[in-house]
Amino acid sequence: MRLRPELRLRVALAFALACIAVVGALGATLYSASDEMEETLVDQIVSEEVNYLIEHHRSNPDYQPATGLNLQYYVVRTPDEAARLPRDVRELPPGNHEIGSGRNERHVAVRRSGDARFIVVYDVGPHEERAQRFRNLLLVSLAAVAVVALLLGYWLAGVLTRQLTDLAQKVARLSPDKPHALLAHPEQDAEVAALARALDDYQARITRLIEREQEFTADASHELRTPLTAVRTSCELLLDEPGLPEKARARVRTIDEAARRMAEQLQTLLFIAREQALDASEPVALAECVSDAAEPHRVEIARKGLAFNVEIDSGAVLNLNRQALHTVLANLIGNAVQYTESGCIRVSFTGRRLTIADSGRGIPPASLPRLFERFYRSSDGAEGFGLGLAIVKRICDQYGWRIEVESRPAAGSAFSIAFP
C-alpha cells in the first residue's frame, strides 16, 4: 500500500514549492534582464569606441590609441596589418559581432572608412565571471529559500492543522460506553467546528444504537435464561425421583448437561454482542476441555467411523476463560465432524498453539479469505459455515487469540489457535 505523507508535511511542501517557484522565476527574470542590459551596454561601448577611433583618425592619420586591459584597437590599411590581426577577427565584415564563449567571449565592432578598416575588440571575460558569480548566488539563495520556506511552511501548517490534530486525538480517546464532552466548541475554526459537530452527531447515533442493543441483549438474556432455568430445575427434580429408571436417568442427565452448556454459551454470546470479554480466567486443562467440547459430537463421530485423536499432554494447562475456549472448540470440532466423511480428526497442542486438523473435503482457496464472515457460503455447493466460524473469530479477537487456517480441496483442513 502506498503511504501518503501527513497533511502538515504536504502543506509545507506545497508552500516551499510555491516559494521556490516565485523566487526562481524572479531570479531568472533578474538574471535575464541583467544579461540583456550588459550585452546592450557592451555593444554600445564598442560602437562608441570605434566611432571615436574613426573621428580621431580623420583628424590625425597617425593617431595610435592606447590599448587597455579589456579594449584593443586596430586600424588596418595594408595586408601586413591585416595579417597581424587575431585569426578570428581578420575576416569579420563590418558590423557588431560576438566571438568566443564563456570567459573567452569578446565583442567586436568593425567599421570601414575610406581605405581603412577600424576594429575595436572588447573582452567580456570579467563580465562573464561576474555573471557566473551572480548565477551561483541565485542558486545558493534559491536553496536557502527552499530550506527556510520548508521550515516556515511546516510551522505554519502545524498552526493551521493543530485544531484538526487535537480533534483527531479526542476522537481516538472516545469510547461508546463512556460519556464524553462534546467535540465542538466556540473557539474552533468554522471548518473544524463543522467536522466536530458531525462527529458529535455520529457518536450520539452510535451511543443510541448501542443502548438499544444492550437493552435487547439484556431482555433476550432474561427471556432465554428463564426457560433454561426451568429445564434444569425440572431435571434436578426428576433426578431426585427414586423410581426413575436408570436409562431415563441418563437421558435426564444429558438434557441437564445440554441446558447447562446452552446457558454458558448464551452468556458467552451475550458478552460478545456487547463487545465485552469475559473476565473470569482460570487454569484450564486443555485435554479435558477438548473432550468436553467433543462430547456432543461423539454419536456422529461413531456413526461415520471417524478416528478422534487427542494429542495433548495431560499436564497442558492454560490460564484463560474456560467457556470461551469451550465455545471455540465446540464449533471447530463440529465443523470438522460435519465436513469429514472418513478418516480422522486430530487435536494437538504444541508451543501454545492448539490445532484441530481433519481429513475432510477441504475448503476451496477462493473461500478462505471470507471464511470467517457471517453466513458465508462457499462456491462449491457446500452447506455453508453459518455463524459458527464467525463466532469463533470474534471470540479469538476479543481474547487476543490468533486463529489461522490451512486447507486444500480433498486434503482436509487445519485450524490453529495461537495463545498469547
Protein backbone atom coordinates (compact mmCIF):
# COMPACT_ATOMS: atom_id res chain seq x y z
CA MET A 1 0.00 0.00 0.00
CA ARG A 2 1.37 3.39 -0.97
CA LEU A 3 1.86 5.63 2.05
CA ARG A 4 0.86 9.28 1.74
CA PRO A 5 2.77 11.92 3.72
CA GLU A 6 0.89 13.62 6.53
CA LEU A 7 -1.20 16.71 5.77
CA ARG A 8 1.19 19.01 7.63
CA LEU A 9 4.14 17.88 5.51
CA ARG A 10 2.13 18.17 2.29
CA VAL A 11 1.15 21.75 3.15
CA ALA A 12 4.78 22.58 3.99
CA LEU A 13 5.99 21.08 0.72
CA ALA A 14 3.36 22.98 -1.26
CA PHE A 15 4.35 26.24 0.47
CA ALA A 16 8.05 25.57 -0.17
CA LEU A 17 7.45 24.72 -3.83
CA ALA A 18 5.40 27.90 -4.28
CA CYS A 19 8.19 30.00 -2.73
CA ILE A 20 10.82 28.26 -4.86
CA ALA A 21 8.74 28.87 -7.99
CA VAL A 22 8.24 32.57 -7.20
CA VAL A 23 11.83 33.23 -6.14
CA GLY A 24 13.18 31.13 -9.01
CA ALA A 25 11.07 32.99 -11.56
CA LEU A 26 12.12 36.34 -10.07
CA GLY A 27 15.79 35.34 -10.06
CA ALA A 28 15.61 34.07 -13.64
CA THR A 29 13.94 37.32 -14.71
CA LEU A 30 16.57 39.44 -12.95
CA TYR A 31 19.40 37.39 -14.43
CA SER A 32 17.94 37.55 -17.93
CA ALA A 33 17.35 41.30 -17.68
CA SER A 34 20.85 41.88 -16.28
CA ASP A 35 22.46 39.79 -19.02
CA GLU A 36 20.49 41.58 -21.73
CA MET A 37 21.35 45.02 -20.32
CA GLU A 38 25.01 44.04 -20.13
CA GLU A 39 25.02 42.86 -23.74
CA THR A 40 23.40 46.11 -24.86
CA LEU A 41 25.85 48.19 -22.82
CA VAL A 42 28.89 46.36 -24.22
CA ASP A 43 27.62 46.75 -27.78
CA GLN A 44 27.10 50.46 -27.11
CA ILE A 45 30.63 50.79 -25.71
CA VAL A 46 32.36 49.12 -28.69
CA SER A 47 30.23 51.13 -31.14
CA GLU A 48 31.14 54.42 -29.43
CA GLU A 49 34.80 53.44 -29.23
CA VAL A 50 35.07 52.53 -32.91
CA ASN A 51 33.32 55.78 -33.90
CA TYR A 52 35.71 57.69 -31.61
CA LEU A 53 38.64 55.90 -33.27
CA ILE A 54 37.41 56.86 -36.77
CA GLU A 55 36.95 60.53 -35.80
CA HIS A 56 40.47 60.79 -34.35
CA HIS A 57 41.97 59.02 -37.36
CA ARG A 58 40.36 61.52 -39.72
CA SER A 59 41.92 64.43 -37.87
CA ASN A 60 45.21 62.64 -37.22
CA PRO A 61 46.02 59.71 -39.53
CA ASP A 62 48.97 58.76 -37.33
CA TYR A 63 46.80 58.52 -34.17
CA GLN A 64 47.50 55.33 -32.20
CA PRO A 65 45.03 54.80 -29.32
CA ALA A 66 46.30 53.25 -26.11
CA THR A 67 45.26 49.61 -25.66
CA GLY A 68 43.55 48.93 -22.32
CA LEU A 69 43.06 45.81 -20.25
CA ASN A 70 39.74 44.94 -21.91
CA LEU A 71 39.87 47.03 -25.09
CA GLN A 72 42.04 46.52 -28.15
CA TYR A 73 42.07 48.95 -31.11
CA TYR A 74 43.12 48.05 -34.64
CA VAL A 75 43.49 50.21 -37.80
CA VAL A 76 44.01 48.04 -40.89
CA ARG A 77 45.22 49.72 -44.05
CA THR A 78 47.60 47.17 -45.55
CA PRO A 79 47.69 43.38 -45.92
CA ASP A 80 50.56 43.24 -43.42
CA GLU A 81 48.45 44.99 -40.79
CA ALA A 82 45.59 42.60 -41.56
CA ALA A 83 47.92 39.63 -41.07
CA ARG A 84 48.78 40.85 -37.57
CA LEU A 85 45.13 40.71 -36.51
CA PRO A 86 43.90 37.84 -34.31
CA ARG A 87 42.86 34.92 -36.51
CA ASP A 88 39.17 35.03 -35.51
CA VAL A 89 38.93 38.76 -36.21
CA ARG A 90 40.60 39.01 -39.64
CA GLU A 91 37.67 38.10 -41.84
CA LEU A 92 34.86 39.75 -39.90
CA PRO A 93 32.66 42.00 -42.05
CA PRO A 94 31.60 45.46 -40.91
CA GLY A 95 29.16 45.41 -38.00
CA ASN A 96 28.99 44.25 -34.39
CA HIS A 97 29.97 40.64 -33.61
CA GLU A 98 30.31 38.25 -30.71
CA ILE A 99 33.12 35.68 -30.88
CA GLY A 100 34.19 33.02 -28.41
CA SER A 101 32.15 31.85 -25.45
CA GLY A 102 32.24 31.92 -21.68
CA ARG A 103 35.31 33.64 -20.27
CA ASN A 104 36.81 33.86 -23.78
CA GLU A 105 33.86 35.77 -25.22
CA ARG A 106 34.65 39.05 -26.97
CA HIS A 107 32.53 41.73 -28.61
CA VAL A 108 33.95 43.15 -31.84
CA ALA A 109 32.91 46.30 -33.71
CA VAL A 110 34.14 46.53 -37.31
CA ARG A 111 33.78 49.68 -39.43
CA ARG A 112 35.18 50.71 -42.82
CA SER A 113 36.07 54.32 -43.60
CA GLY A 114 37.87 55.11 -46.84
CA ASP A 115 40.56 52.56 -47.50
CA ALA A 116 40.95 51.57 -43.82
CA ARG A 117 39.16 49.13 -41.50
CA PHE A 118 38.67 50.13 -37.90
CA ILE A 119 38.28 47.36 -35.34
CA VAL A 120 37.57 47.53 -31.61
CA VAL A 121 37.70 44.30 -29.57
CA TYR A 122 36.19 44.27 -26.09
CA ASP A 123 36.99 41.31 -23.79
CA VAL A 124 33.86 40.49 -21.76
CA GLY A 125 35.53 37.67 -19.75
CA PRO A 126 35.35 39.67 -16.46
CA HIS A 127 31.68 40.34 -17.12
CA GLU A 128 31.10 36.60 -17.64
CA GLU A 129 32.86 35.87 -14.35
CA ARG A 130 30.58 38.33 -12.58
CA ALA A 131 27.58 36.74 -14.32
CA GLN A 132 28.73 33.29 -13.14
CA ARG A 133 29.03 34.57 -9.56
CA PHE A 134 25.57 36.05 -9.88
CA ARG A 135 24.20 32.70 -11.11
CA ASN A 136 25.85 30.89 -8.20
CA LEU A 137 24.43 33.44 -5.79
CA LEU A 138 20.96 32.87 -7.24
CA LEU A 139 21.29 29.09 -6.83
CA VAL A 140 22.51 29.39 -3.23
CA SER A 141 19.73 31.87 -2.49
CA LEU A 142 17.19 29.51 -4.05
CA ALA A 143 18.43 26.63 -1.87
CA ALA A 144 18.29 28.84 1.21
CA VAL A 145 14.77 29.96 0.31
CA ALA A 146 13.75 26.31 -0.13
CA VAL A 147 15.02 25.35 3.35
CA VAL A 148 13.54 28.41 5.05
CA ALA A 149 10.23 28.03 3.20
CA LEU A 150 10.01 24.34 4.13
CA LEU A 151 10.66 25.04 7.81
CA LEU A 152 8.35 28.05 7.85
CA GLY A 153 5.68 26.14 5.93
CA TYR A 154 5.93 23.20 8.33
CA TRP A 155 5.48 25.55 11.27
CA LEU A 156 2.56 27.38 9.64
CA ALA A 157 0.95 24.08 8.66
CA GLY A 158 1.26 22.95 12.27
CA VAL A 159 -0.55 26.09 13.39
CA LEU A 160 -3.26 25.58 10.77
CA THR A 161 -3.77 21.88 11.47
CA ARG A 162 -3.40 21.99 15.26
CA GLN A 163 -7.15 22.12 15.80
CA LEU A 164 -7.62 19.20 13.43
CA THR A 165 -4.91 17.21 15.23
CA ASP A 166 -6.48 17.97 18.61
CA LEU A 167 -9.84 16.84 17.28
CA ALA A 168 -8.33 13.58 15.99
CA GLN A 169 -6.77 12.90 19.40
CA LYS A 170 -10.10 13.49 21.13
CA VAL A 171 -11.86 11.15 18.69
CA ALA A 172 -9.20 8.48 19.31
CA ARG A 173 -9.96 8.64 23.04
CA LEU A 174 -13.70 8.22 22.56
CA SER A 175 -15.38 5.09 23.85
CA PRO A 176 -19.00 4.27 23.00
CA ASP A 177 -19.71 3.03 26.52
CA LYS A 178 -18.26 6.07 28.33
CA PRO A 179 -19.69 9.61 28.48
CA HIS A 180 -17.60 12.36 26.93
CA ALA A 181 -17.70 16.11 26.40
CA LEU A 182 -18.83 17.50 23.07
CA LEU A 183 -16.08 17.77 20.48
CA ALA A 184 -17.36 21.06 19.04
CA HIS A 185 -16.67 24.30 20.93
CA PRO A 186 -16.86 28.02 20.03
CA GLU A 187 -13.07 28.56 19.79
CA GLN A 188 -12.74 26.25 16.80
CA ASP A 189 -12.47 27.49 13.23
CA ALA A 190 -15.67 27.17 11.21
CA GLU A 191 -14.46 24.21 9.13
CA VAL A 192 -13.15 22.27 12.14
CA ALA A 193 -16.29 23.07 14.12
CA ALA A 194 -18.47 21.67 11.31
CA LEU A 195 -16.47 18.44 11.35
CA ALA A 196 -16.65 18.26 15.15
CA ARG A 197 -20.44 18.71 15.11
CA ALA A 198 -20.79 15.95 12.52
CA LEU A 199 -18.68 13.65 14.72
CA ASP A 200 -20.78 14.55 17.77
CA ASP A 201 -23.96 13.66 15.88
CA TYR A 202 -22.46 10.40 14.66
CA GLN A 203 -21.26 9.48 18.15
CA ALA A 204 -24.71 10.21 19.54
CA ARG A 205 -26.29 7.86 16.98
CA ILE A 206 -23.76 5.15 17.83
CA THR A 207 -24.48 5.58 21.54
CA ARG A 208 -28.23 5.26 20.97
CA LEU A 209 -27.68 2.17 18.81
CA ILE A 210 -25.50 0.53 21.46
CA GLU A 211 -28.03 1.34 24.16
CA ARG A 212 -30.78 -0.32 22.12
CA GLU A 213 -28.61 -3.39 21.50
CA GLN A 214 -27.71 -3.65 25.17
CA GLU A 215 -31.35 -3.39 26.14
CA PHE A 216 -32.21 -6.09 23.61
CA THR A 217 -29.45 -8.44 24.77
CA ALA A 218 -30.45 -7.90 28.40
CA ASP A 219 -34.09 -8.71 27.57
CA ALA A 220 -33.04 -11.70 25.46
CA SER A 221 -30.81 -12.93 28.27
CA HIS A 222 -33.65 -12.75 30.75
CA GLU A 223 -36.19 -14.37 28.41
CA LEU A 224 -33.85 -17.23 27.46
CA ARG A 225 -32.46 -17.89 30.91
CA THR A 226 -35.89 -18.33 32.43
CA PRO A 227 -36.88 -21.42 30.35
CA LEU A 228 -33.36 -22.83 30.65
CA THR A 229 -33.57 -22.50 34.43
CA ALA A 230 -36.95 -24.22 34.34
CA VAL A 231 -35.47 -27.07 32.28
CA ARG A 232 -32.57 -27.54 34.69
CA THR A 233 -34.85 -27.35 37.72
CA SER A 234 -37.12 -29.98 36.20
CA CYS A 235 -34.11 -32.18 35.50
CA GLU A 236 -32.98 -31.89 39.12
CA LEU A 237 -36.45 -32.84 40.35
CA LEU A 238 -36.57 -35.82 38.00
CA LEU A 239 -33.16 -36.98 39.14
CA ASP A 240 -34.41 -36.88 42.74
CA GLU A 241 -37.22 -39.31 41.87
CA PRO A 242 -36.23 -42.66 43.42
CA GLY A 243 -38.25 -44.76 40.96
CA LEU A 244 -36.77 -43.23 37.81
CA PRO A 245 -35.27 -45.96 35.58
CA GLU A 246 -31.53 -45.74 35.04
CA LYS A 247 -31.94 -45.37 31.28
CA ALA A 248 -34.28 -42.42 31.73
CA ARG A 249 -31.99 -41.01 34.42
CA ALA A 250 -29.10 -40.99 31.89
CA ARG A 251 -31.24 -39.13 29.38
CA VAL A 252 -32.25 -36.57 32.00
CA ARG A 253 -28.59 -36.03 32.85
CA THR A 254 -27.90 -35.45 29.13
CA ILE A 255 -30.71 -32.89 28.98
CA ASP A 256 -29.42 -31.18 32.13
CA GLU A 257 -25.87 -31.04 30.75
CA ALA A 258 -27.11 -29.66 27.42
CA ALA A 259 -29.13 -26.98 29.22
CA ARG A 260 -26.09 -26.05 31.32
CA ARG A 261 -23.92 -25.78 28.20
CA MET A 262 -26.60 -23.73 26.48
CA ALA A 263 -26.76 -21.31 29.41
CA GLU A 264 -22.98 -20.91 29.40
CA GLN A 265 -22.84 -20.39 25.64
CA LEU A 266 -25.69 -17.92 25.89
CA GLN A 267 -23.64 -15.95 28.42
CA THR A 268 -20.62 -16.01 26.09
CA LEU A 269 -22.63 -14.86 23.07
CA LEU A 270 -24.27 -12.06 25.04
CA PHE A 271 -20.90 -10.74 26.10
CA ILE A 272 -19.71 -10.93 22.51
CA ALA A 273 -22.76 -8.96 21.36
CA ARG A 274 -21.87 -6.28 23.91
CA GLU A 275 -18.25 -6.13 22.66
CA GLN A 276 -17.00 -7.29 26.06
CA ALA A 277 -14.74 -10.14 27.10
CA LEU A 278 -15.48 -12.47 29.98
CA ASP A 279 -13.01 -11.57 32.69
CA ALA A 280 -13.14 -14.87 34.57
CA SER A 281 -9.89 -16.71 33.83
CA GLU A 282 -8.87 -19.98 35.41
CA PRO A 283 -6.39 -22.80 34.83
CA VAL A 284 -7.90 -24.95 32.08
CA ALA A 285 -6.69 -28.46 31.29
CA LEU A 286 -6.74 -28.49 27.50
CA ALA A 287 -7.23 -32.23 27.06
CA GLU A 288 -10.26 -32.19 29.35
CA CYS A 289 -11.73 -29.13 27.62
CA VAL A 290 -11.29 -30.78 24.20
CA SER A 291 -13.02 -33.92 25.47
CA ASP A 292 -15.95 -31.88 26.84
CA ALA A 293 -16.28 -29.91 23.58
CA ALA A 294 -16.28 -33.12 21.53
CA GLU A 295 -18.87 -34.88 23.73
CA PRO A 296 -21.98 -33.67 21.80
CA HIS A 297 -20.42 -34.99 18.58
CA ARG A 298 -19.47 -38.47 19.80
CA VAL A 299 -22.53 -40.11 18.26
CA GLU A 300 -21.85 -38.59 14.81
CA ILE A 301 -18.15 -39.48 15.06
CA ALA A 302 -19.07 -43.09 15.81
CA ARG A 303 -21.69 -43.18 13.05
CA LYS A 304 -19.14 -42.07 10.44
CA GLY A 305 -16.45 -44.33 11.83
CA LEU A 306 -14.02 -41.43 12.31
CA ALA A 307 -10.91 -41.67 14.44
CA PHE A 308 -10.79 -38.85 17.00
CA ASN A 309 -7.22 -38.42 18.27
CA VAL A 310 -6.32 -36.01 21.07
CA GLU A 311 -2.56 -35.48 21.09
CA ILE A 312 -2.38 -33.23 24.14
CA ASP A 313 -0.31 -33.92 27.22
CA SER A 314 -2.41 -34.34 30.35
CA GLY A 315 -0.38 -31.62 32.05
CA ALA A 316 -1.06 -28.99 29.36
CA VAL A 317 -2.83 -26.16 31.21
CA LEU A 318 -3.56 -22.58 30.12
CA ASN A 319 -4.95 -19.73 32.21
CA LEU A 320 -7.96 -18.44 30.25
CA ASN A 321 -11.74 -18.35 30.17
CA ARG A 322 -12.98 -21.92 30.07
CA GLN A 323 -16.36 -21.21 28.48
CA ALA A 324 -14.87 -19.08 25.69
CA LEU A 325 -12.40 -21.85 24.82
CA HIS A 326 -15.17 -24.46 25.03
CA THR A 327 -17.32 -22.49 22.57
CA VAL A 328 -14.42 -22.15 20.12
CA LEU A 329 -13.50 -25.84 20.34
CA ALA A 330 -17.11 -27.00 20.06
CA ASN A 331 -17.57 -25.03 16.83
CA LEU A 332 -14.27 -26.13 15.28
CA ILE A 333 -14.74 -29.78 16.21
CA GLY A 334 -18.35 -29.63 14.99
CA ASN A 335 -17.20 -28.27 11.62
CA ALA A 336 -14.53 -30.96 11.36
CA VAL A 337 -17.11 -33.69 12.04
CA GLN A 338 -19.63 -32.17 9.62
CA TYR A 339 -17.22 -31.95 6.67
CA THR A 340 -15.28 -35.19 7.22
CA GLU A 341 -16.89 -38.35 5.86
CA SER A 342 -13.99 -40.71 6.54
CA GLY A 343 -10.54 -40.69 8.06
CA CYS A 344 -9.67 -38.92 11.28
CA ILE A 345 -9.84 -35.73 13.30
CA ARG A 346 -6.69 -34.82 15.23
CA VAL A 347 -6.40 -32.25 18.03
CA SER A 348 -2.85 -31.34 19.07
CA PHE A 349 -1.11 -28.73 21.22
CA THR A 350 2.50 -27.58 20.81
CA GLY A 351 4.18 -24.29 21.61
CA ARG A 352 0.99 -22.58 22.86
CA ARG A 353 -0.69 -23.44 19.56
CA LEU A 354 -3.82 -25.61 19.53
CA THR A 355 -4.59 -27.29 16.18
CA ILE A 356 -7.74 -29.08 15.02
CA ALA A 357 -6.98 -30.96 11.78
CA ASP A 358 -9.25 -33.21 9.74
CA SER A 359 -9.05 -35.33 6.59
CA GLY A 360 -12.29 -33.99 5.13
CA ARG A 361 -13.25 -32.32 1.87
CA GLY A 362 -11.14 -29.22 2.49
CA ILE A 363 -12.00 -25.63 1.68
CA PRO A 364 -11.77 -24.05 -1.81
CA PRO A 365 -8.95 -21.45 -2.00
CA ALA A 366 -11.42 -18.79 -3.13
CA SER A 367 -13.42 -19.26 0.09
CA LEU A 368 -10.51 -18.89 2.53
CA PRO A 369 -10.43 -15.04 2.63
CA ARG A 370 -14.15 -14.91 3.55
CA LEU A 371 -14.24 -17.99 5.74
CA PHE A 372 -14.99 -16.12 8.97
CA GLU A 373 -17.76 -13.91 7.56
CA ARG A 374 -21.24 -14.38 8.98
CA PHE A 375 -23.50 -16.66 6.88
CA TYR A 376 -20.87 -17.00 4.15
CA ARG A 377 -21.40 -19.97 1.83
CA SER A 378 -18.61 -21.37 -0.29
CA SER A 379 -18.93 -21.63 -4.07
CA ASP A 380 -18.66 -25.44 -4.20
CA GLY A 381 -22.24 -26.03 -3.12
CA ALA A 382 -21.41 -26.84 0.49
CA GLU A 383 -23.99 -26.14 3.15
CA GLY A 384 -22.00 -23.16 4.36
CA PHE A 385 -20.19 -22.36 7.54
CA GLY A 386 -23.01 -20.30 9.03
CA LEU A 387 -22.37 -18.40 12.24
CA GLY A 388 -20.01 -20.91 13.84
CA LEU A 389 -16.72 -19.67 12.43
CA ALA A 390 -17.80 -16.03 12.71
CA ILE A 391 -18.41 -16.60 16.43
CA VAL A 392 -15.05 -18.34 16.73
CA LYS A 393 -13.28 -15.38 15.10
CA ARG A 394 -14.98 -12.82 17.33
CA ILE A 395 -14.11 -14.74 20.50
CA CYS A 396 -10.49 -15.09 19.39
CA ASP A 397 -10.27 -11.39 18.57
CA GLN A 398 -11.69 -10.36 21.93
CA TYR A 399 -9.26 -12.51 23.90
CA GLY A 400 -6.24 -11.77 21.74
CA TRP A 401 -6.02 -15.29 20.32
CA ARG A 402 -4.81 -15.59 16.74
CA ILE A 403 -6.67 -18.08 14.57
CA GLU A 404 -5.27 -19.37 11.28
CA VAL A 405 -6.49 -21.90 8.74
CA GLU A 406 -4.72 -24.07 6.18
CA SER A 407 -6.69 -26.14 3.72
CA ARG A 408 -6.55 -27.86 0.36
CA PRO A 409 -9.54 -29.26 -1.51
CA ALA A 410 -9.96 -33.01 -0.88
CA ALA A 411 -6.97 -32.94 1.51
CA GLY A 412 -8.54 -31.69 4.72
CA SER A 413 -8.28 -28.54 6.81
CA ALA A 414 -6.33 -27.45 9.87
CA PHE A 415 -7.48 -24.65 12.19
CA SER A 416 -4.81 -23.36 14.58
CA ILE A 417 -5.26 -21.08 17.59
CA ALA A 418 -2.14 -19.32 18.89
CA PHE A 419 -2.49 -18.17 22.51
CA PRO A 420 -0.57 -15.11 23.75
